[in-house]
């Protein structure tokens, strides 16, 4: 359950930054010419890598 909580916090923070906090497009402007599919693929890959890092770092405690 902790892994889902950690993943949810990271994903919500990134999505909130992308859609709400970065109104001037200074952090995410490099993606402005990407298609919706490419952005979805990027964020999905980001979520997978986040889970793998979390599991890898906490594997001795599982």
PDB file of N, CA and C in Angstrom:
ATOM      1  N   UNK A   1       0.826  -1.194   0.000  1.00  0.00           N
ATOM      2  CA  UNK A   1       0.000   0.000   0.000  1.00  0.00           C
ATOM      3  C   UNK A   1       0.868   1.254   0.000  1.00  0.00           C
ATOM      4  N   UNK A   2       2.029   1.156   0.635  1.00  0.00           N
ATOM      5  CA  UNK A   2       2.905   2.320   0.694  1.00  0.00           C
ATOM      6  C   UNK A   2       3.441   2.706  -0.682  1.00  0.00           C
ATOM      7  N   UNK A   3       3.654   1.696  -1.532  1.00  0.00           N
ATOM      8  CA  UNK A   3       4.170   1.989  -2.868  1.00  0.00           C
ATOM      9  C   UNK A   3       3.140   2.775  -3.680  1.00  0.00           C
ATOM     10  N   UNK A   4       1.871   2.436  -3.516  1.00  0.00           N
ATOM     11  CA  UNK A   4       0.831   3.166  -4.237  1.00  0.00           C
ATOM     12  C   UNK A   4       0.689   4.592  -3.722  1.00  0.00           C
ATOM     13  N   UNK A   5       0.874   4.778  -2.441  1.00  0.00           N
ATOM     14  CA  UNK A   5       0.811   6.121  -1.861  1.00  0.00           C
ATOM     15  C   UNK A   5       1.961   6.975  -2.370  1.00  0.00           C
ATOM     16  N   UNK A   6       3.160   6.409  -2.390  1.00  0.00           N
ATOM     17  CA  UNK A   6       4.327   7.145  -2.887  1.00  0.00           C
ATOM     18  C   UNK A   6       4.170   7.469  -4.363  1.00  0.00           C
ATOM     19  N   UNK A   7       3.717   6.494  -5.143  1.00  0.00           N
ATOM     20  CA  UNK A   7       3.503   6.728  -6.572  1.00  0.00           C
ATOM     21  C   UNK A   7       2.440   7.788  -6.791  1.00  0.00           C
ATOM     22  N   UNK A   8       1.368   7.731  -6.042  1.00  0.00           N
ATOM     23  CA  UNK A   8       0.293   8.705  -6.183  1.00  0.00           C
ATOM     24  C   UNK A   8       0.772  10.121  -5.870  1.00  0.00           C
ATOM     25  N   UNK A   9       1.572  10.258  -4.831  1.00  0.00           N
ATOM     26  CA  UNK A   9       2.099  11.579  -4.473  1.00  0.00           C
ATOM     27  C   UNK A   9       2.982  12.132  -5.576  1.00  0.00           C
ATOM     28  N   UNK A  10       3.862  11.311  -6.124  1.00  0.00           N
ATOM     29  CA  UNK A  10       4.766  11.772  -7.182  1.00  0.00           C
ATOM     30  C   UNK A  10       3.980  12.117  -8.441  1.00  0.00           C
ATOM     31  N   UNK A  11       3.062  11.259  -8.838  1.00  0.00           N
ATOM     32  CA  UNK A  11       2.292  11.495 -10.063  1.00  0.00           C
ATOM     33  C   UNK A  11       1.409  12.735  -9.930  1.00  0.00           C
ATOM     34  N   UNK A  12       0.767  12.910  -8.798  1.00  0.00           N
ATOM     35  CA  UNK A  12      -0.077  14.096  -8.589  1.00  0.00           C
ATOM     36  C   UNK A  12       0.764  15.364  -8.588  1.00  0.00           C
ATOM     37  N   UNK A  13       1.957  15.309  -7.997  1.00  0.00           N
ATOM     38  CA  UNK A  13       2.835  16.484  -7.982  1.00  0.00           C
ATOM     39  C   UNK A  13       3.278  16.861  -9.396  1.00  0.00           C
ATOM     40  N   UNK A  14       3.643  15.876 -10.205  1.00  0.00           N
ATOM     41  CA  UNK A  14       4.080  16.161 -11.578  1.00  0.00           C
ATOM     42  C   UNK A  14       2.925  16.679 -12.418  1.00  0.00           C
ATOM     43  N   UNK A  15       1.770  16.070 -12.299  1.00  0.00           N
ATOM     44  CA  UNK A  15       0.611  16.514 -13.084  1.00  0.00           C
ATOM     45  C   UNK A  15       0.166  17.911 -12.655  1.00  0.00           C
ATOM     46  N   UNK A  16       0.169  18.177 -11.355  1.00  0.00           N
ATOM     47  CA  UNK A  16      -0.195  19.512 -10.882  1.00  0.00           C
ATOM     48  C   UNK A  16       0.801  20.548 -11.382  1.00  0.00           C
ATOM     49  N   UNK A  17       2.076  20.208 -11.397  1.00  0.00           N
ATOM     50  CA  UNK A  17       3.075  21.140 -11.909  1.00  0.00           C
ATOM     51  C   UNK A  17       2.887  21.377 -13.397  1.00  0.00           C
ATOM     52  N   UNK A  18       2.589  20.328 -14.138  1.00  0.00           N
ATOM     53  CA  UNK A  18       2.435  20.447 -15.588  1.00  0.00           C
ATOM     54  C   UNK A  18       1.218  21.290 -15.965  1.00  0.00           C
ATOM     55  N   UNK A  19       0.076  21.037 -15.316  1.00  0.00           N
ATOM     56  CA  UNK A  19      -1.162  21.703 -15.711  1.00  0.00           C
ATOM     57  C   UNK A  19      -1.478  22.975 -14.927  1.00  0.00           C
ATOM     58  N   UNK A  20      -0.983  23.106 -13.696  1.00  0.00           N
ATOM     59  CA  UNK A  20      -1.459  24.189 -12.850  1.00  0.00           C
ATOM     60  C   UNK A  20      -0.360  25.165 -12.470  1.00  0.00           C
ATOM     61  N   UNK A  21       0.754  24.705 -11.939  1.00  0.00           N
ATOM     62  CA  UNK A  21       1.772  25.607 -11.411  1.00  0.00           C
ATOM     63  C   UNK A  21       2.637  26.258 -12.487  1.00  0.00           C
ATOM     64  N   UNK A  22       2.883  25.575 -13.579  1.00  0.00           N
ATOM     65  CA  UNK A  22       3.779  26.086 -14.616  1.00  0.00           C
ATOM     66  C   UNK A  22       2.983  26.828 -15.690  1.00  0.00           C
ATOM     67  N   UNK A  23       2.437  27.970 -15.327  1.00  0.00           N
ATOM     68  CA  UNK A  23       1.600  28.714 -16.271  1.00  0.00           C
ATOM     69  C   UNK A  23       2.429  29.409 -17.343  1.00  0.00           C
ATOM     70  N   UNK A  24       3.704  29.691 -17.077  1.00  0.00           N
ATOM     71  CA  UNK A  24       4.552  30.366 -18.055  1.00  0.00           C
ATOM     72  C   UNK A  24       5.286  29.398 -18.976  1.00  0.00           C
ATOM     73  N   UNK A  25       5.107  28.109 -18.761  1.00  0.00           N
ATOM     74  CA  UNK A  25       5.746  27.052 -19.548  1.00  0.00           C
ATOM     75  C   UNK A  25       7.280  27.151 -19.528  1.00  0.00           C
ATOM     76  N   UNK A  26       7.832  27.496 -18.369  1.00  0.00           N
ATOM     77  CA  UNK A  26       9.289  27.582 -18.253  1.00  0.00           C
ATOM     78  C   UNK A  26       9.916  26.214 -17.990  1.00  0.00           C
ATOM     79  N   UNK A  27       9.225  25.343 -17.250  1.00  0.00           N
ATOM     80  CA  UNK A  27       9.788  24.020 -16.957  1.00  0.00           C
ATOM     81  C   UNK A  27       9.388  22.987 -17.987  1.00  0.00           C
ATOM     82  N   UNK A  28       8.193  23.073 -18.538  1.00  0.00           N
ATOM     83  CA  UNK A  28       7.686  22.054 -19.449  1.00  0.00           C
ATOM     84  C   UNK A  28       7.582  22.571 -20.889  1.00  0.00           C
ATOM     85  N   UNK A  29       8.161  23.709 -21.184  1.00  0.00           N
ATOM     86  CA  UNK A  29       8.084  24.285 -22.524  1.00  0.00           C
ATOM     87  C   UNK A  29       8.758  23.447 -23.593  1.00  0.00           C
ATOM     88  N   UNK A  30       9.714  22.632 -23.206  1.00  0.00           N
ATOM     89  CA  UNK A  30      10.411  21.790 -24.172  1.00  0.00           C
ATOM     90  C   UNK A  30       9.510  20.700 -24.740  1.00  0.00           C
ATOM     91  N   UNK A  31       8.312  20.526 -24.172  1.00  0.00           N
ATOM     92  CA  UNK A  31       7.379  19.516 -24.666  1.00  0.00           C
ATOM     93  C   UNK A  31       6.226  20.132 -25.459  1.00  0.00           C
ATOM     94  N   UNK A  32       6.287  21.407 -25.775  1.00  0.00           N
ATOM     95  CA  UNK A  32       5.120  22.059 -26.360  1.00  0.00           C
ATOM     96  C   UNK A  32       4.783  21.563 -27.768  1.00  0.00           C
ATOM     97  N   UNK A  33       5.725  21.020 -28.508  1.00  0.00           N
ATOM     98  CA  UNK A  33       5.443  20.525 -29.854  1.00  0.00           C
ATOM     99  C   UNK A  33       5.170  19.025 -29.881  1.00  0.00           C
ATOM    100  N   UNK A  34       5.099  18.408 -28.723  1.00  0.00           N
ATOM    101  CA  UNK A  34       4.839  16.961 -28.651  1.00  0.00           C
ATOM    102  C   UNK A  34       3.355  16.685 -28.836  1.00  0.00           C
ATOM    103  N   UNK A  35       3.047  15.513 -29.354  1.00  0.00           N
ATOM    104  CA  UNK A  35       1.652  15.100 -29.485  1.00  0.00           C
ATOM    105  C   UNK A  35       1.150  14.592 -28.128  1.00  0.00           C
ATOM    106  N   UNK A  36      -0.155  14.408 -28.043  1.00  0.00           N
ATOM    107  CA  UNK A  36      -0.755  13.904 -26.806  1.00  0.00           C
ATOM    108  C   UNK A  36      -0.233  12.496 -26.493  1.00  0.00           C
ATOM    109  N   UNK A  37      -0.035  11.673 -27.536  1.00  0.00           N
ATOM    110  CA  UNK A  37       0.490  10.325 -27.343  1.00  0.00           C
ATOM    111  C   UNK A  37       1.903  10.365 -26.769  1.00  0.00           C
ATOM    112  N   UNK A  38       2.755  11.240 -27.290  1.00  0.00           N
ATOM    113  CA  UNK A  38       4.129  11.343 -26.792  1.00  0.00           C
ATOM    114  C   UNK A  38       4.165  11.810 -25.343  1.00  0.00           C
ATOM    115  N   UNK A  39       3.308  12.753 -24.989  1.00  0.00           N
ATOM    116  CA  UNK A  39       3.245  13.208 -23.594  1.00  0.00           C
ATOM    117  C   UNK A  39       2.753  12.094 -22.682  1.00  0.00           C
ATOM    118  N   UNK A  40       1.745  11.361 -23.116  1.00  0.00           N
ATOM    119  CA  UNK A  40       1.250  10.232 -22.331  1.00  0.00           C
ATOM    120  C   UNK A  40       2.303   9.154 -22.161  1.00  0.00           C
ATOM    121  N   UNK A  41       3.049   8.885 -23.213  1.00  0.00           N
ATOM    122  CA  UNK A  41       4.132   7.905 -23.143  1.00  0.00           C
ATOM    123  C   UNK A  41       5.222   8.363 -22.184  1.00  0.00           C
ATOM    124  N   UNK A  42       5.546   9.634 -22.216  1.00  0.00           N
ATOM    125  CA  UNK A  42       6.555  10.183 -21.313  1.00  0.00           C
ATOM    126  C   UNK A  42       6.119  10.058 -19.857  1.00  0.00           C
ATOM    127  N   UNK A  43       4.890  10.459 -19.553  1.00  0.00           N
ATOM    128  CA  UNK A  43       4.416  10.410 -18.177  1.00  0.00           C
ATOM    129  C   UNK A  43       4.211   8.971 -17.703  1.00  0.00           C
ATOM    130  N   UNK A  44       3.821   8.080 -18.589  1.00  0.00           N
ATOM    131  CA  UNK A  44       3.713   6.666 -18.217  1.00  0.00           C
ATOM    132  C   UNK A  44       5.085   6.090 -17.909  1.00  0.00           C
ATOM    133  N   UNK A  45       6.062   6.402 -18.738  1.00  0.00           N
ATOM    134  CA  UNK A  45       7.429   5.950 -18.481  1.00  0.00           C
ATOM    135  C   UNK A  45       7.971   6.530 -17.191  1.00  0.00           C
ATOM    136  N   UNK A  46       7.633   7.772 -16.923  1.00  0.00           N
ATOM    137  CA  UNK A  46       8.055   8.415 -15.683  1.00  0.00           C
ATOM    138  C   UNK A  46       7.483   7.689 -14.473  1.00  0.00           C
ATOM    139  N   UNK A  47       6.217   7.309 -14.558  1.00  0.00           N
ATOM    140  CA  UNK A  47       5.577   6.591 -13.452  1.00  0.00           C
ATOM    141  C   UNK A  47       6.214   5.218 -13.255  1.00  0.00           C
ATOM    142  N   UNK A  48       6.506   4.507 -14.346  1.00  0.00           N
ATOM    143  CA  UNK A  48       7.133   3.188 -14.247  1.00  0.00           C
ATOM    144  C   UNK A  48       8.519   3.288 -13.636  1.00  0.00           C
ATOM    145  N   UNK A  49       9.308   4.247 -14.080  1.00  0.00           N
ATOM    146  CA  UNK A  49      10.652   4.425 -13.533  1.00  0.00           C
ATOM    147  C   UNK A  49      10.593   4.812 -12.062  1.00  0.00           C
ATOM    148  N   UNK A  50       9.625   5.633 -11.690  1.00  0.00           N
ATOM    149  CA  UNK A  50       9.464   6.005 -10.284  1.00  0.00           C
ATOM    150  C   UNK A  50       9.177   4.781  -9.422  1.00  0.00           C
ATOM    151  N   UNK A  51       8.299   3.921  -9.890  1.00  0.00           N
ATOM    152  CA  UNK A  51       7.981   2.700  -9.140  1.00  0.00           C
ATOM    153  C   UNK A  51       9.206   1.796  -9.038  1.00  0.00           C
ATOM    154  N   UNK A  52       9.930   1.635 -10.133  1.00  0.00           N
ATOM    155  CA  UNK A  52      11.119   0.778 -10.108  1.00  0.00           C
ATOM    156  C   UNK A  52      12.181   1.305  -9.158  1.00  0.00           C
ATOM    157  N   UNK A  53      12.394   2.599  -9.136  1.00  0.00           N
ATOM    158  CA  UNK A  53      13.364   3.184  -8.207  1.00  0.00           C
ATOM    159  C   UNK A  53      12.904   2.998  -6.772  1.00  0.00           C
ATOM    160  N   UNK A  54      11.628   3.238  -6.508  1.00  0.00           N
ATOM    161  CA  UNK A  54      11.106   3.079  -5.161  1.00  0.00           C
ATOM    162  C   UNK A  54      11.248   1.637  -4.676  1.00  0.00           C
ATOM    163  N   UNK A  55      10.877   0.688  -5.522  1.00  0.00           N
ATOM    164  CA  UNK A  55      10.976  -0.726  -5.163  1.00  0.00           C
ATOM    165  C   UNK A  55      12.441  -1.126  -5.004  1.00  0.00           C
ATOM    166  N   UNK A  56      13.291  -0.650  -5.864  1.00  0.00           N
ATOM    167  CA  UNK A  56      14.710  -0.981  -5.778  1.00  0.00           C
ATOM    168  C   UNK A  56      15.360  -0.459  -4.519  1.00  0.00           C
ATOM    169  N   UNK A  57      15.012   0.745  -4.119  1.00  0.00           N
ATOM    170  CA  UNK A  57      15.608   1.322  -2.913  1.00  0.00           C
ATOM    171  C   UNK A  57      15.034   0.736  -1.628  1.00  0.00           C
ATOM    172  N   UNK A  58      13.794   0.264  -1.700  1.00  0.00           N
ATOM    173  CA  UNK A  58      13.177  -0.274  -0.489  1.00  0.00           C
ATOM    174  C   UNK A  58      13.130  -1.791  -0.491  1.00  0.00           C
ATOM    175  N   UNK A  59      13.853  -2.448  -1.366  1.00  0.00           N
ATOM    176  CA  UNK A  59      13.766  -3.910  -1.478  1.00  0.00           C
ATOM    177  C   UNK A  59      14.279  -4.622  -0.238  1.00  0.00           C
ATOM    178  N   UNK A  60      15.238  -4.040   0.467  1.00  0.00           N
ATOM    179  CA  UNK A  60      15.742  -4.697   1.662  1.00  0.00           C
ATOM    180  C   UNK A  60      14.744  -4.625   2.814  1.00  0.00           C
ATOM    181  N   UNK A  61      13.791  -3.714   2.739  1.00  0.00           N
ATOM    182  CA  UNK A  61      12.798  -3.572   3.798  1.00  0.00           C
ATOM    183  C   UNK A  61      11.523  -4.347   3.507  1.00  0.00           C
ATOM    184  N   UNK A  62      11.389  -4.882   2.297  1.00  0.00           N
ATOM    185  CA  UNK A  62      10.156  -5.600   1.943  1.00  0.00           C
ATOM    186  C   UNK A  62      10.160  -7.013   2.455  1.00  0.00           C
TER     187      UNK A  62
END
